């Protein structure tokens, strides 16, 4: 039997044969993970790195207008802010930092599988 280890924090996923799966994530050290049993290993694909661990990007959703930038810098002093037109966007370094900042502003990330849409 093969165990599929999937980290819920940094999106690390790996298959482990013979019950050799770790008890915490080898990538980020988190103990929040999902363990599944599968019959055969999956082919390792080249994952898309946008939105995942260690892919810095400027967040549009967490951006603020130029009238709110002073308060945003006070609330999030660890972030680097860059001006885009009349708004400022924070530099998000990785997924864990994105989740932390989203929690601070009371935002939720929806799962596309749960989104039914209209119609």
PDB file of N, CA and C in Angstrom:
ATOM      1  N   UNK A   1       0.850  -1.177   0.000  1.00  0.00           N
ATOM      2  CA  UNK A   1       0.000   0.000   0.000  1.00  0.00           C
ATOM      3  C   UNK A   1       0.893   1.237   0.000  1.00  0.00           C
ATOM      4  N   UNK A   2       0.475   2.257  -0.695  1.00  0.00           N
ATOM      5  CA  UNK A   2       1.229   3.501  -0.810  1.00  0.00           C
ATOM      6  C   UNK A   2       0.438   4.609  -0.123  1.00  0.00           C
ATOM      7  N   UNK A   3       1.137   5.413   0.669  1.00  0.00           N
ATOM      8  CA  UNK A   3       0.497   6.529   1.360  1.00  0.00           C
ATOM      9  C   UNK A   3       0.798   7.825   0.619  1.00  0.00           C
ATOM     10  N   UNK A   4      -0.225   8.631   0.412  1.00  0.00           N
ATOM     11  CA  UNK A   4      -0.094   9.944  -0.248  1.00  0.00           C
ATOM     12  C   UNK A   4      -0.139  11.012   0.836  1.00  0.00           C
ATOM     13  N   UNK A   5       0.996  11.695   1.073  1.00  0.00           N
ATOM     14  CA  UNK A   5       1.102  12.744   2.084  1.00  0.00           C
ATOM     15  C   UNK A   5       0.862  14.089   1.402  1.00  0.00           C
ATOM     16  N   UNK A   6      -0.118  14.857   1.906  1.00  0.00           N
ATOM     17  CA  UNK A   6      -0.428  16.185   1.345  1.00  0.00           C
ATOM     18  C   UNK A   6      -0.481  17.199   2.474  1.00  0.00           C
ATOM     19  N   UNK A   7       0.423  18.179   2.455  1.00  0.00           N
ATOM     20  CA  UNK A   7       0.461  19.233   3.475  1.00  0.00           C
ATOM     21  C   UNK A   7      -0.630  20.252   3.183  1.00  0.00           C
ATOM     22  N   UNK A   8      -1.356  20.674   4.207  1.00  0.00           N
ATOM     23  CA  UNK A   8      -2.427  21.652   4.052  1.00  0.00           C
ATOM     24  C   UNK A   8      -1.907  23.087   4.113  1.00  0.00           C
ATOM     25  N   UNK A   9      -0.680  23.292   4.548  1.00  0.00           N
ATOM     26  CA  UNK A   9      -0.134  24.633   4.696  1.00  0.00           C
ATOM     27  C   UNK A   9       0.648  25.068   3.454  1.00  0.00           C
ATOM     28  N   UNK A  10       1.584  24.240   3.003  1.00  0.00           N
ATOM     29  CA  UNK A  10       2.461  24.665   1.896  1.00  0.00           C
ATOM     30  C   UNK A  10       2.210  23.905   0.594  1.00  0.00           C
ATOM     31  N   UNK A  11       1.179  23.063   0.544  1.00  0.00           N
ATOM     32  CA  UNK A  11       0.809  22.311  -0.659  1.00  0.00           C
ATOM     33  C   UNK A  11       1.843  21.284  -1.100  1.00  0.00           C
ATOM     34  N   UNK A  12       2.714  20.854  -0.193  1.00  0.00           N
ATOM     35  CA  UNK A  12       3.666  19.787  -0.490  1.00  0.00           C
ATOM     36  C   UNK A  12       2.893  18.473  -0.616  1.00  0.00           C
ATOM     37  N   UNK A  13       3.217  17.671  -1.625  1.00  0.00           N
ATOM     38  CA  UNK A  13       2.575  16.369  -1.802  1.00  0.00           C
ATOM     39  C   UNK A  13       3.627  15.362  -2.251  1.00  0.00           C
ATOM     40  N   UNK A  14       3.572  14.160  -1.665  1.00  0.00           N
ATOM     41  CA  UNK A  14       4.545  13.132  -1.993  1.00  0.00           C
ATOM     42  C   UNK A  14       3.946  11.758  -1.689  1.00  0.00           C
ATOM     43  N   UNK A  15       4.335  10.757  -2.466  1.00  0.00           N
ATOM     44  CA  UNK A  15       3.898   9.383  -2.235  1.00  0.00           C
ATOM     45  C   UNK A  15       5.001   8.636  -1.480  1.00  0.00           C
ATOM     46  N   UNK A  16       4.598   7.841  -0.479  1.00  0.00           N
ATOM     47  CA  UNK A  16       5.538   7.077   0.329  1.00  0.00           C
ATOM     48  C   UNK A  16       5.121   5.603   0.343  1.00  0.00           C
ATOM     49  N   UNK A  17       5.998   4.705  -0.081  1.00  0.00           N
ATOM     50  CA  UNK A  17       5.676   3.273  -0.030  1.00  0.00           C
ATOM     51  C   UNK A  17       5.957   2.685   1.355  1.00  0.00           C
ATOM     52  N   UNK A  18       5.311   1.579   1.642  1.00  0.00           N
ATOM     53  CA  UNK A  18       5.607   0.773   2.847  1.00  0.00           C
ATOM     54  C   UNK A  18       5.454   1.526   4.162  1.00  0.00           C
ATOM     55  N   UNK A  19       4.449   2.351   4.296  1.00  0.00           N
ATOM     56  CA  UNK A  19       4.163   3.060   5.560  1.00  0.00           C
ATOM     57  C   UNK A  19       5.341   3.894   6.063  1.00  0.00           C
ATOM     58  N   UNK A  20       6.091   4.503   5.154  1.00  0.00           N
ATOM     59  CA  UNK A  20       7.226   5.339   5.537  1.00  0.00           C
ATOM     60  C   UNK A  20       6.886   6.826   5.523  1.00  0.00           C
ATOM     61  N   UNK A  21       5.619   7.183   5.544  1.00  0.00           N
ATOM     62  CA  UNK A  21       5.242   8.593   5.456  1.00  0.00           C
ATOM     63  C   UNK A  21       5.632   9.335   6.730  1.00  0.00           C
ATOM     64  N   UNK A  22       5.987  10.620   6.607  1.00  0.00           N
ATOM     65  CA  UNK A  22       6.411  11.400   7.776  1.00  0.00           C
ATOM     66  C   UNK A  22       5.217  11.789   8.656  1.00  0.00           C
ATOM     67  N   UNK A  23       5.510  12.237   9.872  1.00  0.00           N
ATOM     68  CA  UNK A  23       4.463  12.700  10.784  1.00  0.00           C
ATOM     69  C   UNK A  23       4.345  14.217  10.773  1.00  0.00           C
ATOM     70  N   UNK A  24       5.216  14.872  10.026  1.00  0.00           N
ATOM     71  CA  UNK A  24       5.103  16.314   9.796  1.00  0.00           C
ATOM     72  C   UNK A  24       5.654  16.610   8.407  1.00  0.00           C
ATOM     73  N   UNK A  25       5.307  17.746   7.870  1.00  0.00           N
ATOM     74  CA  UNK A  25       5.684  18.095   6.501  1.00  0.00           C
ATOM     75  C   UNK A  25       7.202  18.261   6.369  1.00  0.00           C
ATOM     76  N   UNK A  26       7.833  17.558   5.423  1.00  0.00           N
ATOM     77  CA  UNK A  26       9.279  17.716   5.208  1.00  0.00           C
ATOM     78  C   UNK A  26       9.641  19.092   4.657  1.00  0.00           C
ATOM     79  N   UNK A  27       8.662  19.786   4.056  1.00  0.00           N
ATOM     80  CA  UNK A  27       8.918  21.077   3.433  1.00  0.00           C
ATOM     81  C   UNK A  27       8.821  22.233   4.432  1.00  0.00           C
ATOM     82  N   UNK A  28       7.710  22.282   5.218  1.00  0.00           N
ATOM     83  CA  UNK A  28       7.508  23.421   6.116  1.00  0.00           C
ATOM     84  C   UNK A  28       7.459  23.044   7.589  1.00  0.00           C
ATOM     85  N   UNK A  29       7.401  21.749   7.915  1.00  0.00           N
ATOM     86  CA  UNK A  29       7.389  21.324   9.304  1.00  0.00           C
ATOM     87  C   UNK A  29       6.014  21.307   9.951  1.00  0.00           C
ATOM     88  N   UNK A  30       4.972  21.607   9.199  1.00  0.00           N
ATOM     89  CA  UNK A  30       3.618  21.640   9.743  1.00  0.00           C
ATOM     90  C   UNK A  30       3.118  20.239  10.064  1.00  0.00           C
ATOM     91  N   UNK A  31       2.295  20.147  11.097  1.00  0.00           N
ATOM     92  CA  UNK A  31       1.694  18.859  11.446  1.00  0.00           C
ATOM     93  C   UNK A  31       0.260  18.768  10.924  1.00  0.00           C
ATOM     94  N   UNK A  32      -0.154  19.730  10.113  1.00  0.00           N
ATOM     95  CA  UNK A  32      -1.483  19.717   9.536  1.00  0.00           C
ATOM     96  C   UNK A  32      -1.366  19.129   8.129  1.00  0.00           C
ATOM     97  N   UNK A  33      -1.773  17.874   7.987  1.00  0.00           N
ATOM     98  CA  UNK A  33      -1.628  17.199   6.706  1.00  0.00           C
ATOM     99  C   UNK A  33      -2.767  16.229   6.494  1.00  0.00           C
ATOM    100  N   UNK A  34      -2.873  15.751   5.276  1.00  0.00           N
ATOM    101  CA  UNK A  34      -3.871  14.764   4.890  1.00  0.00           C
ATOM    102  C   UNK A  34      -3.116  13.536   4.406  1.00  0.00           C
ATOM    103  N   UNK A  35      -3.503  12.368   4.895  1.00  0.00           N
ATOM    104  CA  UNK A  35      -2.854  11.124   4.512  1.00  0.00           C
ATOM    105  C   UNK A  35      -3.877  10.234   3.834  1.00  0.00           C
ATOM    106  N   UNK A  36      -3.582   9.831   2.615  1.00  0.00           N
ATOM    107  CA  UNK A  36      -4.483   8.966   1.852  1.00  0.00           C
ATOM    108  C   UNK A  36      -3.745   7.695   1.479  1.00  0.00           C
ATOM    109  N   UNK A  37      -4.508   6.648   1.299  1.00  0.00           N
ATOM    110  CA  UNK A  37      -3.934   5.384   0.850  1.00  0.00           C
ATOM    111  C   UNK A  37      -4.303   5.179  -0.611  1.00  0.00           C
ATOM    112  N   UNK A  38      -3.302   4.903  -1.442  1.00  0.00           N
ATOM    113  CA  UNK A  38      -3.533   4.684  -2.866  1.00  0.00           C
ATOM    114  C   UNK A  38      -2.896   3.369  -3.274  1.00  0.00           C
ATOM    115  N   UNK A  39      -3.311   2.853  -4.405  1.00  0.00           N
ATOM    116  CA  UNK A  39      -2.806   1.545  -4.831  1.00  0.00           C
ATOM    117  C   UNK A  39      -1.536   1.650  -5.650  1.00  0.00           C
ATOM    118  N   UNK A  40      -1.361   2.730  -6.389  1.00  0.00           N
ATOM    119  CA  UNK A  40      -0.147   2.874  -7.187  1.00  0.00           C
ATOM    120  C   UNK A  40       0.303   4.330  -7.162  1.00  0.00           C
ATOM    121  N   UNK A  41       1.586   4.586  -7.290  1.00  0.00           N
ATOM    122  CA  UNK A  41       2.071   5.970  -7.248  1.00  0.00           C
ATOM    123  C   UNK A  41       1.618   6.758  -8.471  1.00  0.00           C
ATOM    124  N   UNK A  42       1.400   8.023  -8.242  1.00  0.00           N
ATOM    125  CA  UNK A  42       1.031   8.915  -9.345  1.00  0.00           C
ATOM    126  C   UNK A  42       2.281   9.396 -10.054  1.00  0.00           C
ATOM    127  N   UNK A  43       2.134   9.708 -11.305  1.00  0.00           N
ATOM    128  CA  UNK A  43       3.254  10.265 -12.061  1.00  0.00           C
ATOM    129  C   UNK A  43       3.500  11.670 -11.534  1.00  0.00           C
ATOM    130  N   UNK A  44       4.731  11.970 -11.248  1.00  0.00           N
ATOM    131  CA  UNK A  44       5.065  13.278 -10.719  1.00  0.00           C
ATOM    132  C   UNK A  44       4.991  14.315 -11.841  1.00  0.00           C
ATOM    133  N   UNK A  45       4.078  15.258 -11.697  1.00  0.00           N
ATOM    134  CA  UNK A  45       3.902  16.295 -12.711  1.00  0.00           C
ATOM    135  C   UNK A  45       4.726  17.519 -12.342  1.00  0.00           C
ATOM    136  N   UNK A  46       4.944  18.376 -13.298  1.00  0.00           N
ATOM    137  CA  UNK A  46       5.599  19.643 -13.033  1.00  0.00           C
ATOM    138  C   UNK A  46       4.533  20.611 -12.522  1.00  0.00           C
ATOM    139  N   UNK A  47       4.542  20.920 -11.224  1.00  0.00           N
ATOM    140  CA  UNK A  47       3.481  21.764 -10.685  1.00  0.00           C
ATOM    141  C   UNK A  47       3.639  23.224 -11.107  1.00  0.00           C
ATOM    142  N   UNK A  48       2.541  23.920 -11.154  1.00  0.00           N
ATOM    143  CA  UNK A  48       2.554  25.357 -11.401  1.00  0.00           C
ATOM    144  C   UNK A  48       2.986  26.016 -10.107  1.00  0.00           C
ATOM    145  N   UNK A  49       3.906  26.948 -10.168  1.00  0.00           N
ATOM    146  CA  UNK A  49       4.443  27.536  -8.945  1.00  0.00           C
ATOM    147  C   UNK A  49       3.742  28.830  -8.553  1.00  0.00           C
ATOM    148  N   UNK A  50       2.864  29.352  -9.386  1.00  0.00           N
ATOM    149  CA  UNK A  50       2.184  30.589  -9.033  1.00  0.00           C
ATOM    150  C   UNK A  50       1.172  30.296  -7.932  1.00  0.00           C
ATOM    151  N   UNK A  51       1.285  31.006  -6.835  1.00  0.00           N
ATOM    152  CA  UNK A  51       0.375  30.813  -5.720  1.00  0.00           C
ATOM    153  C   UNK A  51       0.837  29.774  -4.727  1.00  0.00           C
ATOM    154  N   UNK A  52       2.000  29.191  -4.939  1.00  0.00           N
ATOM    155  CA  UNK A  52       2.473  28.160  -4.041  1.00  0.00           C
ATOM    156  C   UNK A  52       3.727  28.636  -3.316  1.00  0.00           C
ATOM    157  N   UNK A  53       4.341  27.737  -2.611  1.00  0.00           N
ATOM    158  CA  UNK A  53       5.486  28.090  -1.770  1.00  0.00           C
ATOM    159  C   UNK A  53       6.590  28.779  -2.556  1.00  0.00           C
ATOM    160  N   UNK A  54       7.141  29.817  -1.958  1.00  0.00           N
ATOM    161  CA  UNK A  54       8.290  30.547  -2.495  1.00  0.00           C
ATOM    162  C   UNK A  54       8.087  31.061  -3.913  1.00  0.00           C
ATOM    163  N   UNK A  55       6.935  31.661  -4.179  1.00  0.00           N
ATOM    164  CA  UNK A  55       6.720  32.331  -5.459  1.00  0.00           C
ATOM    165  C   UNK A  55       6.232  33.752  -5.166  1.00  0.00           C
ATOM    166  N   UNK A  56       7.166  34.685  -4.946  1.00  0.00           N
ATOM    167  CA  UNK A  56       6.774  36.057  -4.596  1.00  0.00           C
ATOM    168  C   UNK A  56       5.939  36.705  -5.688  1.00  0.00           C
ATOM    169  N   UNK A  57       4.908  37.438  -5.268  1.00  0.00           N
ATOM    170  CA  UNK A  57       4.067  38.159  -6.217  1.00  0.00           C
ATOM    171  C   UNK A  57       3.350  39.284  -5.490  1.00  0.00           C
ATOM    172  N   UNK A  58       2.883  40.276  -6.245  1.00  0.00           N
ATOM    173  CA  UNK A  58       2.126  41.378  -5.682  1.00  0.00           C
ATOM    174  C   UNK A  58       0.645  41.019  -5.725  1.00  0.00           C
ATOM    175  N   UNK A  59      -0.014  41.097  -4.575  1.00  0.00           N
ATOM    176  CA  UNK A  59      -1.408  40.692  -4.464  1.00  0.00           C
ATOM    177  C   UNK A  59      -2.346  41.830  -4.836  1.00  0.00           C
ATOM    178  N   UNK A  60      -3.236  41.570  -5.799  1.00  0.00           N
ATOM    179  CA  UNK A  60      -4.250  42.548  -6.185  1.00  0.00           C
ATOM    180  C   UNK A  60      -5.349  42.590  -5.128  1.00  0.00           C
ATOM    181  N   UNK A  61      -5.769  41.421  -4.670  1.00  0.00           N
ATOM    182  CA  UNK A  61      -6.865  41.319  -3.711  1.00  0.00           C
ATOM    183  C   UNK A  61      -6.545  41.996  -2.383  1.00  0.00           C
ATOM    184  N   UNK A  62      -5.319  41.877  -1.913  1.00  0.00           N
ATOM    185  CA  UNK A  62      -4.935  42.462  -0.640  1.00  0.00           C
ATOM    186  C   UNK A  62      -4.433  43.894  -0.783  1.00  0.00           C
ATOM    187  N   UNK A  63      -4.533  44.454  -1.982  1.00  0.00           N
ATOM    188  CA  UNK A  63      -4.108  45.819  -2.227  1.00  0.00           C
ATOM    189  C   UNK A  63      -5.038  46.838  -1.599  1.00  0.00           C
ATOM    190  N   UNK A  64      -4.544  48.056  -1.451  1.00  0.00           N
ATOM    191  CA  UNK A  64      -5.328  49.150  -0.871  1.00  0.00           C
ATOM    192  C   UNK A  64      -5.223  50.383  -1.760  1.00  0.00           C
ATOM    193  N   UNK A  65      -6.149  51.323  -1.570  1.00  0.00           N
ATOM    194  CA  UNK A  65      -6.091  52.568  -2.334  1.00  0.00           C
ATOM    195  C   UNK A  65      -5.038  53.479  -1.720  1.00  0.00           C
ATOM    196  N   UNK A  66      -4.704  54.554  -2.436  1.00  0.00           N
ATOM    197  CA  UNK A  66      -3.657  55.444  -1.946  1.00  0.00           C
ATOM    198  C   UNK A  66      -4.083  56.190  -0.687  1.00  0.00           C
ATOM    199  N   UNK A  67      -5.382  56.293  -0.413  1.00  0.00           N
ATOM    200  CA  UNK A  67      -5.831  56.938   0.818  1.00  0.00           C
ATOM    201  C   UNK A  67      -5.704  56.009   2.034  1.00  0.00           C
ATOM    202  N   UNK A  68      -5.535  54.704   1.811  1.00  0.00           N
ATOM    203  CA  UNK A  68      -5.455  53.742   2.903  1.00  0.00           C
ATOM    204  C   UNK A  68      -4.041  53.222   3.156  1.00  0.00           C
ATOM    205  N   UNK A  69      -3.070  53.667   2.399  1.00  0.00           N
ATOM    206  CA  UNK A  69      -1.737  53.071   2.462  1.00  0.00           C
ATOM    207  C   UNK A  69      -1.046  53.281   3.811  1.00  0.00           C
ATOM    208  N   UNK A  70      -1.228  54.433   4.442  1.00  0.00           N
ATOM    209  CA  UNK A  70      -0.571  54.684   5.732  1.00  0.00           C
ATOM    210  C   UNK A  70      -1.077  53.706   6.794  1.00  0.00           C
ATOM    211  N   UNK A  71      -2.378  53.472   6.825  1.00  0.00           N
ATOM    212  CA  UNK A  71      -2.938  52.518   7.785  1.00  0.00           C
ATOM    213  C   UNK A  71      -2.476  51.096   7.469  1.00  0.00           C
ATOM    214  N   UNK A  72      -2.415  50.745   6.183  1.00  0.00           N
ATOM    215  CA  UNK A  72      -1.977  49.409   5.786  1.00  0.00           C
ATOM    216  C   UNK A  72      -0.519  49.175   6.177  1.00  0.00           C
ATOM    217  N   UNK A  73       0.330  50.176   6.010  1.00  0.00           N
ATOM    218  CA  UNK A  73       1.739  50.048   6.400  1.00  0.00           C
ATOM    219  C   UNK A  73       1.872  49.913   7.912  1.00  0.00           C
ATOM    220  N   UNK A  74       0.995  50.574   8.644  1.00  0.00           N
ATOM    221  CA  UNK A  74       1.018  50.473  10.108  1.00  0.00           C
ATOM    222  C   UNK A  74       0.563  49.079  10.556  1.00  0.00           C
ATOM    223  N   UNK A  75      -0.479  48.539   9.901  1.00  0.00           N
ATOM    224  CA  UNK A  75      -0.999  47.226  10.265  1.00  0.00           C
ATOM    225  C   UNK A  75      -0.097  46.075   9.809  1.00  0.00           C
ATOM    226  N   UNK A  76       0.603  46.268   8.699  1.00  0.00           N
ATOM    227  CA  UNK A  76       1.457  45.221   8.123  1.00  0.00           C
ATOM    228  C   UNK A  76       2.863  45.769   7.871  1.00  0.00           C
ATOM    229  N   UNK A  77       3.620  46.040   8.941  1.00  0.00           N
ATOM    230  CA  UNK A  77       4.956  46.632   8.744  1.00  0.00           C
ATOM    231  C   UNK A  77       5.946  45.687   8.076  1.00  0.00           C
ATOM    232  N   UNK A  78       5.682  44.376   8.102  1.00  0.00           N
ATOM    233  CA  UNK A  78       6.599  43.413   7.505  1.00  0.00           C
ATOM    234  C   UNK A  78       6.495  43.375   5.983  1.00  0.00           C
ATOM    235  N   UNK A  79       5.429  43.943   5.421  1.00  0.00           N
ATOM    236  CA  UNK A  79       5.198  43.875   3.966  1.00  0.00           C
ATOM    237  C   UNK A  79       5.881  45.013   3.224  1.00  0.00           C
ATOM    238  N   UNK A  80       6.306  44.686   2.036  1.00  0.00           N
ATOM    239  CA  UNK A  80       6.809  45.701   1.111  1.00  0.00           C
ATOM    240  C   UNK A  80       5.641  46.072   0.206  1.00  0.00           C
ATOM    241  N   UNK A  81       5.351  47.355   0.049  1.00  0.00           N
ATOM    242  CA  UNK A  81       4.218  47.812  -0.754  1.00  0.00           C
ATOM    243  C   UNK A  81       4.737  48.493  -2.015  1.00  0.00           C
ATOM    244  N   UNK A  82       4.071  48.253  -3.140  1.00  0.00           N
ATOM    245  CA  UNK A  82       4.465  48.863  -4.404  1.00  0.00           C
ATOM    246  C   UNK A  82       3.245  49.537  -5.025  1.00  0.00           C
ATOM    247  N   UNK A  83       3.489  50.696  -5.606  1.00  0.00           N
ATOM    248  CA  UNK A  83       2.403  51.461  -6.212  1.00  0.00           C
ATOM    249  C   UNK A  83       2.100  50.947  -7.617  1.00  0.00           C
ATOM    250  N   UNK A  84       0.810  50.734  -7.897  1.00  0.00           N
ATOM    251  CA  UNK A  84       0.314  50.353  -9.215  1.00  0.00           C
ATOM    252  C   UNK A  84      -0.830  51.309  -9.546  1.00  0.00           C
ATOM    253  N   UNK A  85      -0.560  52.348 -10.308  1.00  0.00           N
ATOM    254  CA  UNK A  85      -1.598  53.337 -10.617  1.00  0.00           C
ATOM    255  C   UNK A  85      -2.009  54.097  -9.368  1.00  0.00           C
ATOM    256  N   UNK A  86      -3.299  54.002  -8.999  1.00  0.00           N
ATOM    257  CA  UNK A  86      -3.807  54.683  -7.804  1.00  0.00           C
ATOM    258  C   UNK A  86      -3.932  53.745  -6.609  1.00  0.00           C
ATOM    259  N   UNK A  87      -3.337  52.573  -6.696  1.00  0.00           N
ATOM    260  CA  UNK A  87      -3.427  51.627  -5.584  1.00  0.00           C
ATOM    261  C   UNK A  87      -2.035  51.111  -5.216  1.00  0.00           C
ATOM    262  N   UNK A  88      -1.957  50.488  -4.059  1.00  0.00           N
ATOM    263  CA  UNK A  88      -0.722  49.882  -3.573  1.00  0.00           C
ATOM    264  C   UNK A  88      -0.989  48.402  -3.331  1.00  0.00           C
ATOM    265  N   UNK A  89      -0.026  47.563  -3.692  1.00  0.00           N
ATOM    266  CA  UNK A  89      -0.169  46.118  -3.517  1.00  0.00           C
ATOM    267  C   UNK A  89       0.975  45.592  -2.663  1.00  0.00           C
ATOM    268  N   UNK A  90       0.678  44.650  -1.738  1.00  0.00           N
ATOM    269  CA  UNK A  90       1.739  44.081  -0.911  1.00  0.00           C
ATOM    270  C   UNK A  90       2.469  42.961  -1.644  1.00  0.00           C
ATOM    271  N   UNK A  91       3.759  42.845  -1.359  1.00  0.00           N
ATOM    272  CA  UNK A  91       4.546  41.745  -1.904  1.00  0.00           C
ATOM    273  C   UNK A  91       4.340  40.542  -0.997  1.00  0.00           C
ATOM    274  N   UNK A  92       3.740  39.485  -1.536  1.00  0.00           N
ATOM    275  CA  UNK A  92       3.498  38.253  -0.792  1.00  0.00           C
ATOM    276  C   UNK A  92       4.617  37.287  -1.169  1.00  0.00           C
ATOM    277  N   UNK A  93       5.384  36.839  -0.172  1.00  0.00           N
ATOM    278  CA  UNK A  93       6.565  36.012  -0.450  1.00  0.00           C
ATOM    279  C   UNK A  93       6.245  34.543  -0.673  1.00  0.00           C
ATOM    280  N   UNK A  94       5.230  34.013   0.023  1.00  0.00           N
ATOM    281  CA  UNK A  94       4.872  32.607  -0.118  1.00  0.00           C
ATOM    282  C   UNK A  94       3.436  32.388   0.335  1.00  0.00           C
ATOM    283  N   UNK A  95       2.955  31.172   0.210  1.00  0.00           N
ATOM    284  CA  UNK A  95       1.569  30.855   0.526  1.00  0.00           C
ATOM    285  C   UNK A  95       1.252  31.023   2.012  1.00  0.00           C
ATOM    286  N   UNK A  96       2.194  30.652   2.878  1.00  0.00           N
ATOM    287  CA  UNK A  96       1.958  30.786   4.314  1.00  0.00           C
ATOM    288  C   UNK A  96       1.774  32.255   4.699  1.00  0.00           C
ATOM    289  N   UNK A  97       2.593  33.145   4.118  1.00  0.00           N
ATOM    290  CA  UNK A  97       2.455  34.576   4.398  1.00  0.00           C
ATOM    291  C   UNK A  97       1.130  35.108   3.854  1.00  0.00           C
ATOM    292  N   UNK A  98       0.709  34.605   2.683  1.00  0.00           N
ATOM    293  CA  UNK A  98      -0.569  35.024   2.105  1.00  0.00           C
ATOM    294  C   UNK A  98      -1.723  34.637   3.021  1.00  0.00           C
ATOM    295  N   UNK A  99      -1.704  33.386   3.517  1.00  0.00           N
ATOM    296  CA  UNK A  99      -2.774  32.932   4.402  1.00  0.00           C
ATOM    297  C   UNK A  99      -2.800  33.745   5.696  1.00  0.00           C
ATOM    298  N   UNK A 100      -1.630  34.066   6.235  1.00  0.00           N
ATOM    299  CA  UNK A 100      -1.549  34.843   7.467  1.00  0.00           C
ATOM    300  C   UNK A 100      -2.139  36.243   7.254  1.00  0.00           C
ATOM    301  N   UNK A 101      -1.767  36.880   6.150  1.00  0.00           N
ATOM    302  CA  UNK A 101      -2.264  38.228   5.885  1.00  0.00           C
ATOM    303  C   UNK A 101      -3.766  38.219   5.599  1.00  0.00           C
ATOM    304  N   UNK A 102      -4.240  37.196   4.901  1.00  0.00           N
ATOM    305  CA  UNK A 102      -5.671  37.091   4.626  1.00  0.00           C
ATOM    306  C   UNK A 102      -6.458  36.920   5.921  1.00  0.00           C
ATOM    307  N   UNK A 103      -5.923  36.168   6.864  1.00  0.00           N
ATOM    308  CA  UNK A 103      -6.592  35.975   8.148  1.00  0.00           C
ATOM    309  C   UNK A 103      -6.650  37.288   8.919  1.00  0.00           C
ATOM    310  N   UNK A 104      -5.587  38.090   8.837  1.00  0.00           N
ATOM    311  CA  UNK A 104      -5.545  39.368   9.541  1.00  0.00           C
ATOM    312  C   UNK A 104      -6.622  40.335   9.045  1.00  0.00           C
ATOM    313  N   UNK A 105      -6.943  40.275   7.748  1.00  0.00           N
ATOM    314  CA  UNK A 105      -7.961  41.185   7.195  1.00  0.00           C
ATOM    315  C   UNK A 105      -9.313  40.497   7.041  1.00  0.00           C
ATOM    316  N   UNK A 106      -9.446  39.286   7.612  1.00  0.00           N
ATOM    317  CA  UNK A 106     -10.692  38.524   7.634  1.00  0.00           C
ATOM    318  C   UNK A 106     -11.175  38.155   6.229  1.00  0.00           C
ATOM    319  N   UNK A 107     -10.239  37.740   5.363  1.00  0.00           N
ATOM    320  CA  UNK A 107     -10.584  37.235   4.037  1.00  0.00           C
ATOM    321  C   UNK A 107     -10.539  35.713   4.075  1.00  0.00           C
ATOM    322  N   UNK A 108     -11.306  35.069   3.198  1.00  0.00           N
ATOM    323  CA  UNK A 108     -11.280  33.622   3.083  1.00  0.00           C
ATOM    324  C   UNK A 108     -10.953  33.238   1.654  1.00  0.00           C
ATOM    325  N   UNK A 109     -10.192  32.167   1.494  1.00  0.00           N
ATOM    326  CA  UNK A 109      -9.868  31.653   0.169  1.00  0.00           C
ATOM    327  C   UNK A 109     -10.848  30.526  -0.136  1.00  0.00           C
ATOM    328  N   UNK A 110     -11.606  30.679  -1.202  1.00  0.00           N
ATOM    329  CA  UNK A 110     -12.582  29.634  -1.507  1.00  0.00           C
ATOM    330  C   UNK A 110     -11.934  28.523  -2.306  1.00  0.00           C
ATOM    331  N   UNK A 111     -12.515  27.342  -2.181  1.00  0.00           N
ATOM    332  CA  UNK A 111     -12.053  26.176  -2.919  1.00  0.00           C
ATOM    333  C   UNK A 111     -12.862  26.102  -4.212  1.00  0.00           C
ATOM    334  N   UNK A 112     -12.222  26.141  -5.379  1.00  0.00           N
ATOM    335  CA  UNK A 112     -12.965  26.114  -6.644  1.00  0.00           C
ATOM    336  C   UNK A 112     -13.866  24.892  -6.784  1.00  0.00           C
ATOM    337  N   UNK A 113     -13.523  23.780  -6.127  1.00  0.00           N
ATOM    338  CA  UNK A 113     -14.365  22.578  -6.212  1.00  0.00           C
ATOM    339  C   UNK A 113     -15.704  22.795  -5.533  1.00  0.00           C
ATOM    340  N   UNK A 114     -15.755  23.683  -4.519  1.00  0.00           N
ATOM    341  CA  UNK A 114     -16.991  23.957  -3.800  1.00  0.00           C
ATOM    342  C   UNK A 114     -17.825  25.050  -4.446  1.00  0.00           C
ATOM    343  N   UNK A 115     -17.278  25.733  -5.440  1.00  0.00           N
ATOM    344  CA  UNK A 115     -17.970  26.854  -6.060  1.00  0.00           C
ATOM    345  C   UNK A 115     -18.940  26.349  -7.122  1.00  0.00           C
ATOM    346  N   UNK A 116     -20.210  26.573  -6.904  1.00  0.00           N
ATOM    347  CA  UNK A 116     -21.221  26.084  -7.830  1.00  0.00           C
ATOM    348  C   UNK A 116     -21.501  27.089  -8.962  1.00  0.00           C
ATOM    349  N   UNK A 117     -21.317  28.368  -8.675  1.00  0.00           N
ATOM    350  CA  UNK A 117     -21.592  29.379  -9.698  1.00  0.00           C
ATOM    351  C   UNK A 117     -23.075  29.593  -9.880  1.00  0.00           C
ATOM    352  N   UNK A 118     -23.413  30.335 -10.883  1.00  0.00           N
ATOM    353  CA  UNK A 118     -24.822  30.610 -11.182  1.00  0.00           C
ATOM    354  C   UNK A 118     -25.311  29.665 -12.249  1.00  0.00           C
ATOM    355  N   UNK A 119     -26.517  29.215 -12.059  1.00  0.00           N
ATOM    356  CA  UNK A 119     -27.126  28.408 -13.113  1.00  0.00           C
ATOM    357  C   UNK A 119     -27.109  27.007 -12.805  1.00  0.00           C
TER     358      UNK A 119
END
